[in-house]
Each structure stands twice: as structure tokens, then as C-alpha cells.
Protein backbone atom coordinates (compact mmCIF):
# COMPACT_ATOMS: atom_id res chain seq x y z
CA MET A 1 24.20 45.17 -5.45
CA ARG A 2 24.92 42.33 -7.93
CA ARG A 3 28.31 41.99 -6.38
CA VAL A 4 26.70 41.69 -2.86
CA ILE A 5 24.01 39.18 -4.42
CA HIS A 6 27.36 36.94 -6.01
CA LEU A 7 28.73 37.14 -2.54
CA ILE A 8 25.81 36.11 -0.49
CA SER A 9 25.22 33.50 -3.03
CA SER A 10 28.87 32.20 -2.92
CA VAL A 11 28.65 32.39 1.06
CA VAL A 12 25.50 30.24 1.16
CA PHE A 13 26.81 27.70 -1.30
CA TRP A 14 29.91 27.13 1.09
CA ILE A 15 28.26 26.67 4.05
CA CYS A 16 25.95 24.16 2.76
CA ALA A 17 28.85 22.55 1.03
CA SER A 18 30.84 22.44 4.42
CA SER A 19 27.47 20.73 5.86
CA ALA A 20 27.60 18.29 3.01
CA TYR A 21 31.18 17.49 3.73
CA ALA A 22 30.36 17.26 7.57
CA GLN A 23 27.85 14.50 6.25
CA SER A 24 30.58 12.54 4.33
CA ASP A 25 30.85 10.22 7.55
CA ALA A 26 27.87 8.93 6.08
CA LEU A 27 30.59 7.19 3.49
CA PRO A 28 33.17 5.70 6.08
CA SER A 29 34.20 2.93 3.74
CA TRP A 30 35.63 4.96 1.09
CA ASN A 31 38.85 6.38 1.52
CA ASP A 32 39.64 10.05 1.73
CA GLY A 33 40.62 11.30 -1.83
CA GLY A 34 39.43 12.39 -4.98
CA THR A 35 36.74 10.22 -5.37
CA LYS A 36 35.18 10.47 -2.42
CA GLN A 37 35.70 14.37 -2.28
CA SER A 38 33.70 14.34 -6.05
CA ILE A 39 30.71 12.67 -4.45
CA VAL A 40 30.57 14.94 -2.32
CA ASP A 41 31.03 17.83 -3.98
CA PHE A 42 28.43 17.11 -6.49
CA VAL A 43 25.87 16.52 -3.87
CA ALA A 44 26.93 20.21 -2.15
CA ARG A 45 26.57 22.05 -5.42
CA VAL A 46 23.29 20.11 -6.46
CA THR A 47 21.44 20.33 -3.31
CA ALA A 48 22.37 23.47 -1.88
CA GLN A 49 19.80 26.82 -2.03
CA GLY A 50 21.70 29.32 -4.12
CA SER A 51 23.96 27.33 -5.66
CA ALA A 52 24.30 27.64 -9.60
CA ASP A 53 24.04 24.16 -9.63
CA PHE A 54 20.86 23.76 -7.44
CA VAL A 55 18.58 20.62 -8.90
CA PRO A 56 15.26 20.50 -7.15
CA VAL A 57 14.40 17.35 -5.60
CA GLU A 58 12.08 15.86 -8.02
CA GLN A 59 14.87 16.12 -10.28
CA ARG A 60 17.74 14.40 -8.61
CA ILE A 61 17.68 10.83 -10.49
CA ALA A 62 20.41 8.68 -10.00
CA VAL A 63 20.85 5.47 -11.63
CA PHE A 64 23.00 2.29 -11.09
CA ASP A 65 23.74 -0.24 -12.75
CA ASN A 66 23.87 -3.75 -10.81
CA ASP A 67 26.28 -6.43 -11.74
CA GLY A 68 29.52 -5.57 -11.06
CA THR A 69 28.67 -1.99 -9.75
CA LEU A 70 26.48 -2.94 -6.37
CA TRP A 71 27.50 -6.69 -6.09
CA CYS A 72 29.84 -8.87 -7.60
CA GLU A 73 29.74 -9.97 -10.80
CA GLN A 74 32.62 -12.72 -11.19
CA PRO A 75 33.19 -15.80 -11.93
CA ILE A 76 29.97 -15.44 -13.77
CA TYR A 77 26.30 -13.24 -13.87
CA PHE A 78 24.81 -14.15 -10.42
CA GLN A 79 21.71 -14.47 -12.42
CA PHE A 80 23.39 -17.33 -14.62
CA ALA A 81 24.46 -19.07 -11.67
CA PHE A 82 20.55 -18.98 -10.75
CA ALA A 83 19.84 -20.13 -13.63
CA PHE A 84 22.18 -23.47 -13.59
CA ASP A 85 21.03 -24.24 -10.05
CA ARG A 86 17.45 -24.16 -11.37
CA ILE A 87 18.16 -26.60 -14.13
CA LYS A 88 19.88 -28.81 -11.63
CA ALA A 89 16.43 -28.28 -9.63
CA MET A 90 13.94 -28.80 -12.30
CA ALA A 91 15.78 -31.93 -13.84
CA ALA A 92 13.59 -34.29 -12.27
CA GLN A 93 10.60 -33.62 -14.28
CA HIS A 94 12.98 -33.21 -17.14
CA PRO A 95 14.64 -37.08 -17.83
CA GLU A 96 15.51 -35.87 -21.50
CA TRP A 97 17.96 -33.30 -20.43
CA LYS A 98 20.30 -36.04 -19.24
CA THR A 99 21.25 -36.53 -22.81
CA THR A 100 20.29 -33.04 -24.42
CA GLN A 101 22.98 -30.68 -24.23
CA PRO A 102 23.54 -27.85 -23.25
CA TYR A 103 21.30 -29.58 -19.96
CA LYS A 104 23.72 -32.41 -19.84
CA ALA A 105 26.62 -30.38 -19.40
CA ILE A 106 25.08 -28.43 -16.47
CA LEU A 107 23.68 -31.58 -14.88
CA ASP A 108 27.34 -33.08 -15.13
CA GLY A 109 29.34 -30.12 -14.39
CA ASP A 110 30.90 -29.95 -17.62
CA MET A 111 31.20 -26.10 -18.11
CA LYS A 112 33.79 -26.77 -21.39
CA ALA A 113 30.85 -28.86 -23.00
CA PHE A 114 28.65 -25.70 -21.97
CA ALA A 115 31.06 -23.06 -23.35
CA ALA A 116 31.45 -24.98 -26.63
CA SER A 117 27.29 -24.73 -26.90
CA GLY A 118 27.85 -20.80 -27.21
CA GLU A 119 25.60 -17.66 -26.83
CA LYS A 120 22.31 -20.34 -28.30
CA GLY A 121 23.14 -22.52 -25.50
CA LEU A 122 23.34 -19.77 -22.74
CA LEU A 123 19.96 -18.57 -24.24
CA GLN A 124 18.31 -22.08 -23.98
CA ILE A 125 19.36 -22.70 -20.24
CA VAL A 126 17.88 -19.04 -19.30
CA THR A 127 14.62 -19.49 -20.91
CA ALA A 128 14.40 -22.76 -19.26
CA ALA A 129 15.08 -21.64 -16.16
CA HIS A 130 13.07 -18.37 -16.01
CA SER A 131 9.69 -19.33 -18.07
CA GLY A 132 6.99 -21.74 -17.89
CA MET A 133 5.66 -20.82 -14.31
CA THR A 134 3.93 -18.04 -12.75
CA THR A 135 5.58 -14.98 -11.60
CA ASP A 136 4.85 -15.73 -7.59
CA GLU A 137 6.22 -19.01 -8.30
CA PHE A 138 9.52 -17.52 -9.94
CA SER A 139 10.09 -14.67 -7.28
CA LYS A 140 9.78 -17.61 -4.43
CA ALA A 141 12.39 -19.52 -6.45
CA VAL A 142 14.59 -16.84 -6.39
CA ILE A 143 14.19 -15.62 -2.52
CA GLU A 144 14.88 -19.49 -1.89
CA TRP A 145 18.01 -19.46 -4.31
CA THR A 146 19.41 -16.25 -2.48
CA THR A 147 18.62 -17.87 1.06
CA THR A 148 20.51 -20.76 0.31
CA ALA A 149 22.75 -20.68 -2.74
CA ARG A 150 26.70 -19.77 -1.65
CA HIS A 151 29.28 -17.94 -3.48
CA PRO A 152 32.14 -21.04 -5.30
CA ARG A 153 35.04 -18.76 -3.85
CA PHE A 154 33.72 -16.66 -0.93
CA ASP A 155 31.33 -19.14 0.42
CA ARG A 156 28.53 -16.48 1.27
CA PRO A 157 25.07 -15.90 0.31
CA TYR A 158 25.13 -14.16 -3.25
CA THR A 159 23.45 -11.15 -1.21
CA GLN A 160 26.17 -10.55 1.06
CA LEU A 161 28.59 -9.71 -1.74
CA VAL A 162 27.28 -6.54 -2.17
CA TYR A 163 29.72 -3.70 -2.05
CA GLN A 164 29.42 -2.05 1.37
CA PRO A 165 30.48 1.60 -0.15
CA MET A 166 27.83 1.73 -2.58
CA LEU A 167 25.43 0.80 0.21
CA GLU A 168 26.87 3.82 1.88
CA LEU A 169 26.44 6.25 -1.18
CA LEU A 170 22.83 4.78 -2.01
CA ALA A 171 21.49 5.81 1.21
CA TYR A 172 23.66 9.07 1.20
CA LEU A 173 22.40 9.96 -2.12
CA ARG A 174 18.43 9.60 -0.48
CA ALA A 175 19.20 11.24 2.78
CA ASN A 176 19.86 14.68 0.25
CA GLY A 177 16.88 13.85 -1.53
CA PHE A 178 17.86 11.55 -4.40
CA LYS A 179 15.60 8.81 -5.90
CA THR A 180 17.49 5.96 -6.64
CA PHE A 181 17.32 3.73 -9.32
CA ILE A 182 18.88 0.21 -10.70
CA VAL A 183 18.77 0.33 -14.35
CA SER A 184 20.75 -3.21 -15.44
CA GLY A 185 21.13 -5.65 -18.00
CA GLY A 186 19.66 -8.26 -15.46
CA GLY A 187 16.25 -9.57 -15.37
CA ILE A 188 13.72 -7.67 -13.38
CA GLU A 189 12.01 -10.14 -11.68
CA PHE A 190 15.26 -11.76 -10.91
CA MET A 191 15.91 -8.45 -8.94
CA ARG A 192 12.77 -7.02 -7.80
CA PRO A 193 12.49 -9.93 -4.99
CA TRP A 194 15.16 -9.01 -2.85
CA VAL A 195 16.63 -5.44 -3.86
CA GLU A 196 14.87 -3.47 -1.41
CA LYS A 197 15.62 -5.65 1.62
CA ILE A 198 19.26 -5.61 0.55
CA TYR A 199 19.45 -1.49 -1.18
CA GLY A 200 16.46 -0.23 -0.11
CA ILE A 201 15.22 0.48 -3.54
CA PRO A 202 11.84 -0.42 -4.21
CA PRO A 203 10.81 -3.07 -6.99
CA GLU A 204 9.03 0.00 -8.74
CA GLN A 205 12.25 1.42 -8.91
CA VAL A 206 13.72 -1.32 -10.65
CA VAL A 207 14.62 -1.42 -14.74
CA GLY A 208 15.80 -4.68 -16.53
CA SER A 209 15.40 -7.06 -18.99
CA SER A 210 12.43 -8.93 -19.15
CA GLY A 211 10.30 -11.14 -20.32
CA THR A 212 6.86 -11.41 -21.53
CA VAL A 213 4.27 -12.60 -19.69
CA ALA A 214 0.25 -13.27 -20.22
CA LEU A 215 -2.35 -13.44 -17.91
CA GLN A 216 -4.13 -17.01 -16.88
CA MET A 217 -7.22 -17.69 -15.37
CA ASP A 218 -7.54 -21.26 -13.23
CA ALA A 219 -10.40 -22.89 -13.30
CA GLY A 220 -11.81 -20.87 -9.88
CA GLY A 221 -11.09 -18.08 -11.99
CA LYS A 222 -8.13 -16.93 -10.09
CA PRO A 223 -5.55 -15.08 -12.15
CA SER A 224 -1.82 -15.31 -12.34
CA LEU A 225 1.17 -14.15 -14.44
CA LEU A 226 2.68 -16.74 -16.47
CA LYS A 227 6.47 -16.08 -17.32
CA THR A 228 7.07 -16.96 -21.04
CA PRO A 229 9.88 -17.93 -23.13
CA LYS A 230 9.83 -14.72 -25.13
CA ILE A 231 12.09 -11.64 -24.52
CA GLU A 232 10.68 -8.37 -24.40
CA PHE A 233 12.93 -5.76 -23.88
CA VAL A 234 16.92 -6.00 -23.04
CA ASP A 235 18.06 -3.57 -20.78
CA ASP A 236 21.64 -3.42 -21.81
CA GLY A 237 23.98 -1.04 -23.95
CA PRO A 238 21.51 1.18 -26.13
CA GLY A 239 18.68 -0.02 -24.20
CA LYS A 240 19.77 1.46 -21.21
CA PRO A 241 18.65 4.99 -22.12
CA VAL A 242 15.40 3.64 -23.72
CA GLY A 243 14.57 2.05 -20.29
CA ILE A 244 15.24 4.90 -18.48
CA ASN A 245 13.25 7.01 -20.80
CA ARG A 246 10.44 4.57 -20.51
CA PHE A 247 10.04 3.45 -17.04
CA ILE A 248 11.72 6.58 -14.98
CA GLY A 249 10.62 9.64 -17.38
CA ARG A 250 13.56 11.72 -16.52
CA ARG A 251 16.88 12.13 -17.66
CA PRO A 252 19.31 11.31 -14.50
CA ILE A 253 22.00 13.69 -12.91
CA PHE A 254 23.79 11.03 -11.31
CA ALA A 255 24.65 7.56 -12.69
CA PHE A 256 27.19 4.92 -12.06
CA GLY A 257 28.48 1.88 -14.04
CA ASN A 258 31.08 -0.37 -14.30
CA SER A 259 31.46 -1.52 -17.53
CA ASP A 260 30.67 -1.21 -21.57
CA GLY A 261 27.53 -2.41 -21.05
CA ASP A 262 26.65 0.77 -18.93
CA LEU A 263 28.50 3.42 -21.51
CA GLN A 264 25.26 4.75 -23.15
CA MET A 265 23.60 5.01 -19.44
CA LEU A 266 26.43 7.35 -19.06
CA GLN A 267 26.27 9.10 -22.41
CA TRP A 268 22.79 9.72 -21.90
CA THR A 269 23.31 11.23 -18.51
CA ALA A 270 26.18 13.49 -19.45
CA ALA A 271 24.20 14.90 -22.51
CA GLY A 272 21.44 16.43 -20.41
CA GLY A 273 22.17 20.42 -19.14
CA GLY A 274 23.01 21.49 -15.79
CA ALA A 275 25.44 19.56 -13.35
CA ARG A 276 25.87 15.81 -14.04
CA PHE A 277 27.83 13.34 -12.30
CA MET A 278 29.33 10.03 -14.14
CA GLY A 279 30.77 7.27 -12.27
CA LEU A 280 32.53 4.00 -12.87
CA VAL A 281 33.64 1.13 -10.76
CA ARG A 282 36.83 -0.24 -12.14
CA HIS A 283 37.75 -3.74 -10.86
CA THR A 284 41.13 -3.55 -9.23
CA ASP A 285 41.83 -5.54 -6.39
CA ALA A 286 42.45 -9.53 -7.21
CA GLU A 287 43.02 -9.97 -3.31
CA ARG A 288 39.44 -8.75 -1.75
CA GLU A 289 37.40 -9.63 -4.74
CA TYR A 290 38.99 -9.49 -8.26
CA ALA A 291 40.78 -7.72 -10.65
CA TYR A 292 39.75 -7.41 -14.46
CA ASP A 293 38.52 -4.65 -17.45
CA ARG A 294 39.53 -4.79 -21.15
CA GLN A 295 39.95 -8.22 -21.32
CA SER A 296 36.98 -10.05 -19.31
CA LYS A 297 34.20 -11.33 -20.70
CA ILE A 298 32.11 -10.70 -18.00
CA GLY A 299 31.88 -6.76 -17.16
CA LYS A 300 34.57 -5.95 -19.68
CA LEU A 301 35.72 -2.39 -19.12
CA ASP A 302 37.11 -0.92 -22.56
CA LYS A 303 35.43 1.59 -24.51
CA ALA A 304 33.63 3.37 -21.20
CA LEU A 305 36.88 3.59 -19.69
CA ASP A 306 38.23 5.51 -22.53
CA GLU A 307 35.49 7.62 -22.42
CA ALA A 308 35.41 8.38 -18.76
CA THR A 309 39.48 9.20 -19.45
CA ALA A 310 38.40 11.54 -22.15
CA LYS A 311 35.44 13.49 -20.60
CA GLY A 312 36.91 13.42 -16.70
CA TRP A 313 34.15 10.89 -15.69
CA GLN A 314 35.03 9.59 -12.05
CA VAL A 315 36.64 6.32 -11.94
CA THR A 316 36.60 4.34 -8.63
CA ASP A 317 39.76 2.43 -8.29
CA MET A 318 38.32 -0.57 -6.16
CA LYS A 319 41.83 -1.47 -4.44
CA LYS A 320 42.98 2.40 -3.78
CA ASP A 321 39.07 4.13 -2.87
CA TRP A 322 37.14 1.40 -1.27
CA LYS A 323 38.46 0.72 2.77
CA THR A 324 35.79 -2.02 3.11
CA ILE A 325 34.41 -4.00 0.03
CA PHE A 326 31.79 -6.38 1.40
CA PRO A 327 29.78 -5.80 4.47
């Protein structure tokens, strides 16, 4: 009798697996091969009733880094480009910036001088560009920027430099009962205004770095939230599992990143019981996008690549695995 039950279970699994494989057309921008097949096989295993790896819908949590995983991140993180443009737009209200570093370097377009200011200078720029306004005002500024700003190499709006294969993967997972989250080192309020339109991920499913906000009342008694210069939470590296625990409350079973900043998120996902999928995007296509990993100052992929190799995590080779990169 036990053999009969096992046989029936196996048949049910492979019927469901075949059905899931048929859905692989939902990933048309992925080349056929091991990477695409590993995704389809994993989804089949965790969604097939009767499978030993079946996961209930409420536990199908998938998390994705944003920069370099869902959209391009070169030659600088796009949020930095936003901050630089904000400094230029705000300069008229700050005449002192014309003679004060690191603001002067940004206004003069002198990236060498700006680089000399180091992390301290970058923090000054980001703080000035992201605070001193209400959350509604900031959201409006982000929407205006994503509508008008263009990438220096591709001459396209930054929100058109999302990865078509990952858009398909997000939709494919959701079609199979997964709840998809962004878990990014980027600013939560920088991402929330546009991610639902671009990724289909609502703002409440975005976990990111954040500054503090303070409630204020105007003369008429109308409340608003003011963005302050103080950093509240950094959602990068070891902060990512903390953010997942704090804001999601469930350990993911599926995680995708692209850099060492995602290593702890992948480790946290892998440490759970049952079936797990850990993936990395490796940037190997200098012609269609960029090629970089271990030596890059932006999106460095070194320790995470070593661990992925040692533990059998899935590494997506952009050049080999993706037919198309941008929509």
C-alpha cells in the first residue's frame, strides 16, 4: 500500500511539474538551459499538491534586491544620480553651495573633486537631497525625475532600464502563488513611488533603507510627515535579514540578488527548512549592459559568488542566460 501511495504521489508531482514547465513560456526572455530550468523545476516542486516539497501559498515568499538585480546599477546607483540632479535643482535656494564642497563639485560636474570627498561627501549630498521636505513632496520629486531623467549611456529613462527577464520572473512567481518583495539597500521612499507601476510590487511590499520622519502640523491643523537628515535603518548586507524579519515576518523560500550586499539575505533564505532557491545575477554582458563582478566599486560580487559556487546556488549569466536585457 505504501508503494502505491508513493507511486501516486510521484505521478501527481510529475503531472504538476509538466504543467509548470509548460508555463515556462512565461519566461520568453530566458534562454533554455540550466538556469531557466532550475526556476521552473523549483516552482513545480513547491506548488505541486502531493510533492514532498509542497509549500502552502501563504509561505511562498520571494525577495529580490533592486539595484543590479531588477534594474541596471551602472555607472552609479540610480538613486545617486537622482541625488546629484536634486542638488542641481535645489542650488538656487542654496547660493553657498557654489563655493562649498562637495556641493561645488556636483554643480561644476567635477567628479574627480567629488570623489576626493569620499563617503562623507556622498552622505552630505544624499542627506541634502533627501531631507527637509515632506514625504509627499519627495515622492513628487522622485516621480518627476523618473519621468524626465535619462541614463548617460542608453539615453532612456531609468525606469526603462529594468530587466525584462526579471519582470517575467516576478510575474511568473505571482502567477504561481508567490508574494514578491523588494529588499534593497536603496531608499524605501525613493522606490515606493514607482515600483508598483514598473514591477507590479505594491509599496507596502518594499523593504529598503530609510531616514526618520517626523509628524508636523501646519497653521491650519493639517498633518504631514517631514523627512529629517537622521538615518533610521540601512537595509544592506546583514541589515537585509533584519529588514525581512521586521517588515515581512516570514523567511523567504526564494531570493535573488547580484552582489555581496545580498549575501546575508541569501544565507538567511538558505538556512530555512524545505525547498529553497537562492539566485544571483552575474553581469557578464559589456555589449548589451555592463560586465563586472569582483573588482567593481558598484555592485561588487565576490564573496557571494564564492559561496554560490560552493553551495550550488543558481548563478544567472546575463550574457548566456538572457535573450533580452531591457524591455
